[in-house]
Amino acid sequence: MASVQRLILDVLKPHQPNALVFARAISALGDGYQVDIRVLEVDEHTETLQVAIEGDRLDFELISRAISENGASLHSIDEVSVVGK
């Protein structure tokens, strides 16, 4: 079965939680998840983020749910890397 190793996501989130708290929430979802966040744009109420997540067997559904639970919305999957077995 193929496993997702890397995702680059376009995310819109409110200013709170901040990027550090947001990254920690996503990294806590799996053992060894590395999360890199780049703030692309800031307006009065929101931030547009590029969220890069790397790890063995990323669980996209769990990640998507964590994004929503932190008040953010997933706009698109900009890149994906999948390894087959």
Protein backbone atom coordinates (compact mmCIF):
# COMPACT_ATOMS: atom_id res chain seq x y z
CA MET A 1 0.00 0.00 0.00
CA ALA A 2 1.23 3.51 -0.83
CA SER A 3 1.99 5.92 2.00
CA VAL A 4 2.04 9.70 2.04
CA GLN A 5 5.49 11.03 3.01
CA ARG A 6 5.16 14.78 2.36
CA LEU A 7 2.37 17.32 1.98
CA ILE A 8 2.45 21.01 1.13
CA LEU A 9 -0.86 22.62 2.08
CA ASP A 10 -2.34 26.07 1.54
CA VAL A 11 -4.13 26.97 4.78
CA LEU A 12 -6.08 30.02 5.92
CA LYS A 13 -6.23 30.47 9.70
CA PRO A 14 -7.17 33.18 12.20
CA HIS A 15 -4.32 34.92 14.04
CA GLN A 16 -4.91 32.65 17.05
CA PRO A 17 -3.61 30.07 17.60
CA ASN A 18 -0.26 31.42 16.48
CA ALA A 19 1.90 29.53 13.97
CA LEU A 20 3.96 27.81 16.68
CA VAL A 21 0.93 26.40 18.51
CA PHE A 22 -0.62 25.43 15.16
CA ALA A 23 2.55 23.58 14.08
CA ARG A 24 2.78 21.76 17.40
CA ALA A 25 -0.84 20.62 17.13
CA ILE A 26 -0.16 19.05 13.73
CA SER A 27 3.22 17.55 14.67
CA ALA A 28 1.65 15.85 17.70
CA LEU A 29 -0.59 13.78 15.39
CA GLY A 30 2.10 11.30 14.47
CA ASP A 31 5.45 10.00 15.59
CA GLY A 32 8.14 11.90 13.74
CA TYR A 33 5.89 14.39 11.91
CA GLN A 34 7.97 17.41 10.94
CA VAL A 35 5.95 20.58 10.33
CA ASP A 36 7.31 23.70 8.67
CA ILE A 37 5.08 26.77 8.38
CA ARG A 38 5.64 29.77 6.18
CA VAL A 39 3.37 32.80 6.63
CA LEU A 40 2.60 34.07 3.14
CA GLU A 41 0.11 36.81 3.87
CA VAL A 42 -1.43 38.54 6.87
CA ASP A 43 -4.59 40.63 6.91
CA GLU A 44 -6.72 42.08 9.67
CA HIS A 45 -8.25 38.76 10.78
CA THR A 46 -6.40 35.91 9.07
CA GLU A 47 -3.07 34.50 7.93
CA THR A 48 -2.39 32.55 4.76
CA LEU A 49 0.08 29.76 5.45
CA GLN A 50 2.09 27.29 3.46
CA VAL A 51 2.27 24.22 5.69
CA ALA A 52 4.84 21.55 4.84
CA ILE A 53 4.46 18.24 6.67
CA GLU A 54 6.90 15.35 6.38
CA GLY A 55 6.86 11.96 8.02
CA ASP A 56 6.29 8.28 7.54
CA ARG A 57 2.66 7.45 6.69
CA LEU A 58 1.06 10.86 7.06
CA ASP A 59 -2.63 10.57 7.92
CA PHE A 60 -4.27 13.20 5.71
CA GLU A 61 -7.73 12.82 7.28
CA LEU A 62 -6.32 13.33 10.77
CA ILE A 63 -4.27 16.32 9.62
CA SER A 64 -7.28 17.86 7.87
CA ARG A 65 -9.39 17.44 11.01
CA ALA A 66 -6.69 19.06 13.20
CA ILE A 67 -6.55 22.02 10.84
CA SER A 68 -10.32 22.50 11.18
CA GLU A 69 -10.29 22.00 14.95
CA ASN A 70 -7.78 24.85 15.21
CA GLY A 71 -10.15 27.22 13.39
CA ALA A 72 -8.36 27.07 10.04
CA SER A 73 -9.46 25.93 6.61
CA LEU A 74 -7.56 23.88 4.07
CA HIS A 75 -7.61 25.68 0.71
CA SER A 76 -5.59 23.22 -1.36
CA ILE A 77 -3.03 20.45 -1.48
CA ASP A 78 -0.20 22.14 -3.38
CA GLU A 79 2.25 19.22 -3.37
CA VAL A 80 2.18 15.60 -2.31
CA SER A 81 4.82 12.89 -2.18
CA VAL A 82 3.70 9.27 -1.98
CA VAL A 83 5.84 6.13 -1.71
CA GLY A 84 4.47 2.80 -2.89
CA LYS A 85 5.22 -0.58 -1.35
